[in-house]
Amino acid sequence: MYYTYILLCRDGSLYTGIAADIDKRMKEHFTGSIRAAKYTRSHPPKALAAVWQSDDKSAASSLEYRIKQLPRIEKLRLIDSDDMNVFSGLVDRERYLREDISKFGKWDKFDADK
């Protein structure tokens, strides 16, 4: 099982990545660990904005690539509505399951004291 995710960063930017262990990866990003992406170390995450589950790394990587190609406005549309039509047929929608963010409660809110 692999996950493709989008983070909302404190500066309003968006970061897209993949992970096999989503909780471990979020801990790395949110704590600024050396294992976190260089981008999220300099643009600390505010919240986990969206997560999709896929059966294999190839599918997760493919979705990550397609999301990274989207303009910001389309990424926000994808986050808000899970409208996979933004990919214009480039993604096999059957390969992905949108996860309910509430399953990842500790990562879906920003702690202002950090």
C-alpha atoms as a PDB file:
ATOM      1  CA  MET A   1       0.000   0.000   0.000  1.00  0.00           C
ATOM      2  CA  TYR A   2       1.314   3.437  -0.973  1.00  0.00           C
ATOM      3  CA  TYR A   3      -0.017   6.928  -0.447  1.00  0.00           C
ATOM      4  CA  THR A   4       0.179  10.098  -2.506  1.00  0.00           C
ATOM      5  CA  TYR A   5      -0.368  13.232  -0.442  1.00  0.00           C
ATOM      6  CA  ILE A   6      -0.523  16.996  -0.619  1.00  0.00           C
ATOM      7  CA  LEU A   7       0.649  19.180   2.257  1.00  0.00           C
ATOM      8  CA  LEU A   8      -0.389  22.774   2.819  1.00  0.00           C
ATOM      9  CA  CYS A   9       2.673  24.645   4.047  1.00  0.00           C
ATOM     10  CA  ARG A  10       2.675  27.553   6.498  1.00  0.00           C
ATOM     11  CA  ASP A  11       3.555  30.000   3.715  1.00  0.00           C
ATOM     12  CA  GLY A  12       0.530  28.841   1.676  1.00  0.00           C
ATOM     13  CA  SER A  13       2.529  26.738  -0.770  1.00  0.00           C
ATOM     14  CA  LEU A  14       1.676  23.121  -1.560  1.00  0.00           C
ATOM     15  CA  TYR A  15       3.957  20.093  -1.433  1.00  0.00           C
ATOM     16  CA  THR A  16       3.161  16.727  -3.044  1.00  0.00           C
ATOM     17  CA  GLY A  17       4.851  13.457  -2.142  1.00  0.00           C
ATOM     18  CA  ILE A  18       4.449   9.701  -1.748  1.00  0.00           C
ATOM     19  CA  ALA A  19       4.958   7.342   1.184  1.00  0.00           C
ATOM     20  CA  ALA A  20       4.566   3.705   2.127  1.00  0.00           C
ATOM     21  CA  ASP A  21       4.104   4.611   5.802  1.00  0.00           C
ATOM     22  CA  ILE A  22       2.081   7.829   5.860  1.00  0.00           C
ATOM     23  CA  ASP A  23       2.291   8.393   9.638  1.00  0.00           C
ATOM     24  CA  LYS A  24       6.072   7.999   9.632  1.00  0.00           C
ATOM     25  CA  ARG A  25       6.413  10.341   6.647  1.00  0.00           C
ATOM     26  CA  MET A  26       4.161  12.994   8.199  1.00  0.00           C
ATOM     27  CA  LYS A  27       6.184  12.862  11.415  1.00  0.00           C
ATOM     28  CA  GLU A  28       9.339  13.474   9.367  1.00  0.00           C
ATOM     29  CA  HIS A  29       7.784  16.446   7.564  1.00  0.00           C
ATOM     30  CA  PHE A  30       6.095  18.021  10.595  1.00  0.00           C
ATOM     31  CA  THR A  31       9.112  17.712  12.891  1.00  0.00           C
ATOM     32  CA  GLY A  32      11.566  19.000  10.290  1.00  0.00           C
ATOM     33  CA  SER A  33      13.558  15.787  10.470  1.00  0.00           C
ATOM     34  CA  ILE A  34      16.674  15.446   8.320  1.00  0.00           C
ATOM     35  CA  ARG A  35      14.694  12.713   6.495  1.00  0.00           C
ATOM     36  CA  ALA A  36      11.979  15.220   5.559  1.00  0.00           C
ATOM     37  CA  ALA A  37      12.019  16.675   2.069  1.00  0.00           C
ATOM     38  CA  LYS A  38      14.354  19.624   1.699  1.00  0.00           C
ATOM     39  CA  TYR A  39      11.331  21.676   0.611  1.00  0.00           C
ATOM     40  CA  THR A  40       9.333  21.001   3.777  1.00  0.00           C
ATOM     41  CA  ARG A  41      12.334  21.722   5.972  1.00  0.00           C
ATOM     42  CA  SER A  42      12.397  25.255   4.551  1.00  0.00           C
ATOM     43  CA  HIS A  43       8.592  25.539   4.096  1.00  0.00           C
ATOM     44  CA  PRO A  44       7.189  23.851   7.238  1.00  0.00           C
ATOM     45  CA  PRO A  45       3.862  22.085   6.734  1.00  0.00           C
ATOM     46  CA  LYS A  46       0.690  23.464   8.258  1.00  0.00           C
ATOM     47  CA  ALA A  47      -1.693  20.589   7.467  1.00  0.00           C
ATOM     48  CA  LEU A  48      -2.165  17.450   5.470  1.00  0.00           C
ATOM     49  CA  ALA A  49      -4.540  18.603   2.727  1.00  0.00           C
ATOM     50  CA  ALA A  50      -5.306  15.387   0.789  1.00  0.00           C
ATOM     51  CA  VAL A  51      -4.311  11.720   0.629  1.00  0.00           C
ATOM     52  CA  TRP A  52      -4.893   9.028  -1.995  1.00  0.00           C
ATOM     53  CA  GLN A  53      -4.209   5.332  -1.489  1.00  0.00           C
ATOM     54  CA  SER A  54      -2.904   3.057  -4.238  1.00  0.00           C
ATOM     55  CA  ASP A  55      -1.819  -0.550  -4.417  1.00  0.00           C
ATOM     56  CA  ASP A  56       1.742  -0.017  -5.590  1.00  0.00           C
ATOM     57  CA  LYS A  57       4.595   2.461  -5.707  1.00  0.00           C
ATOM     58  CA  SER A  58       4.310   2.892  -9.453  1.00  0.00           C
ATOM     59  CA  ALA A  59       0.699   4.089  -9.208  1.00  0.00           C
ATOM     60  CA  ALA A  60       1.534   6.428  -6.307  1.00  0.00           C
ATOM     61  CA  SER A  61       4.494   7.892  -8.209  1.00  0.00           C
ATOM     62  CA  SER A  62       2.396   8.359 -11.318  1.00  0.00           C
ATOM     63  CA  LEU A  63      -0.239  10.308  -9.397  1.00  0.00           C
ATOM     64  CA  GLU A  64       2.455  12.363  -7.649  1.00  0.00           C
ATOM     65  CA  TYR A  65       3.956  13.275 -11.027  1.00  0.00           C
ATOM     66  CA  ARG A  66       0.568  14.261 -12.476  1.00  0.00           C
ATOM     67  CA  ILE A  67      -0.307  16.386  -9.451  1.00  0.00           C
ATOM     68  CA  LYS A  68       3.039  18.181  -9.639  1.00  0.00           C
ATOM     69  CA  GLN A  69       2.278  19.074 -13.279  1.00  0.00           C
ATOM     70  CA  LEU A  70      -0.975  20.825 -12.332  1.00  0.00           C
ATOM     71  CA  PRO A  71      -1.174  24.581 -11.832  1.00  0.00           C
ATOM     72  CA  ARG A  72      -1.898  25.656  -8.245  1.00  0.00           C
ATOM     73  CA  ILE A  73      -5.561  26.425  -8.945  1.00  0.00           C
ATOM     74  CA  GLU A  74      -6.114  22.868 -10.210  1.00  0.00           C
ATOM     75  CA  LYS A  75      -4.322  21.405  -7.183  1.00  0.00           C
ATOM     76  CA  LEU A  76      -6.653  23.365  -4.919  1.00  0.00           C
ATOM     77  CA  ARG A  77      -9.637  22.128  -6.919  1.00  0.00           C
ATOM     78  CA  LEU A  78      -8.388  18.569  -6.530  1.00  0.00           C
ATOM     79  CA  ILE A  79      -7.988  19.054  -2.771  1.00  0.00           C
ATOM     80  CA  ASP A  80     -11.419  20.623  -2.341  1.00  0.00           C
ATOM     81  CA  SER A  81     -13.470  18.258  -4.463  1.00  0.00           C
ATOM     82  CA  ASP A  82     -11.304  15.265  -5.442  1.00  0.00           C
ATOM     83  CA  ASP A  83     -12.141  16.170  -9.039  1.00  0.00           C
ATOM     84  CA  MET A  84      -9.836  13.766 -10.877  1.00  0.00           C
ATOM     85  CA  ASN A  85     -11.061  15.271 -14.160  1.00  0.00           C
ATOM     86  CA  VAL A  86      -8.287  17.852 -13.804  1.00  0.00           C
ATOM     87  CA  PHE A  87      -5.994  15.194 -15.294  1.00  0.00           C
ATOM     88  CA  SER A  88      -7.836  15.099 -18.640  1.00  0.00           C
ATOM     89  CA  GLY A  89      -7.743  11.309 -18.872  1.00  0.00           C
ATOM     90  CA  LEU A  90      -4.044  11.045 -17.970  1.00  0.00           C
ATOM     91  CA  VAL A  91      -4.753   9.150 -14.752  1.00  0.00           C
ATOM     92  CA  ASP A  92      -6.648   5.883 -14.327  1.00  0.00           C
ATOM     93  CA  ARG A  93      -9.008   7.022 -11.554  1.00  0.00           C
ATOM     94  CA  GLU A  94      -9.849   3.432 -10.640  1.00  0.00           C
ATOM     95  CA  ARG A  95      -6.335   2.951  -9.254  1.00  0.00           C
ATOM     96  CA  TYR A  96      -6.750   5.509  -6.458  1.00  0.00           C
ATOM     97  CA  LEU A  97      -8.887   5.774  -3.352  1.00  0.00           C
ATOM     98  CA  ARG A  98      -9.258   9.186  -1.731  1.00  0.00           C
ATOM     99  CA  GLU A  99      -8.665   8.846   2.001  1.00  0.00           C
ATOM    100  CA  ASP A 100     -10.713  10.691   4.609  1.00  0.00           C
ATOM    101  CA  ILE A 101      -8.361  13.237   6.181  1.00  0.00           C
ATOM    102  CA  SER A 102      -9.989  12.701   9.584  1.00  0.00           C
ATOM    103  CA  LYS A 103      -8.195   9.320   9.675  1.00  0.00           C
ATOM    104  CA  PHE A 104      -4.999  11.332   9.996  1.00  0.00           C
ATOM    105  CA  GLY A 105      -6.274  13.692  12.691  1.00  0.00           C
ATOM    106  CA  LYS A 106      -2.957  14.671  14.186  1.00  0.00           C
ATOM    107  CA  TRP A 107      -1.694  15.909  10.822  1.00  0.00           C
ATOM    108  CA  ASP A 108      -4.786  17.756   9.578  1.00  0.00           C
ATOM    109  CA  LYS A 109      -4.453  20.726  11.918  1.00  0.00           C
ATOM    110  CA  PHE A 110      -1.785  23.315  12.428  1.00  0.00           C
ATOM    111  CA  ASP A 111      -0.370  23.811  15.918  1.00  0.00           C
ATOM    112  CA  ALA A 112       0.259  27.569  16.053  1.00  0.00           C
ATOM    113  CA  ASP A 113       2.683  27.156  18.956  1.00  0.00           C
ATOM    114  CA  LYS A 114       5.200  25.209  16.886  1.00  0.00           C
END
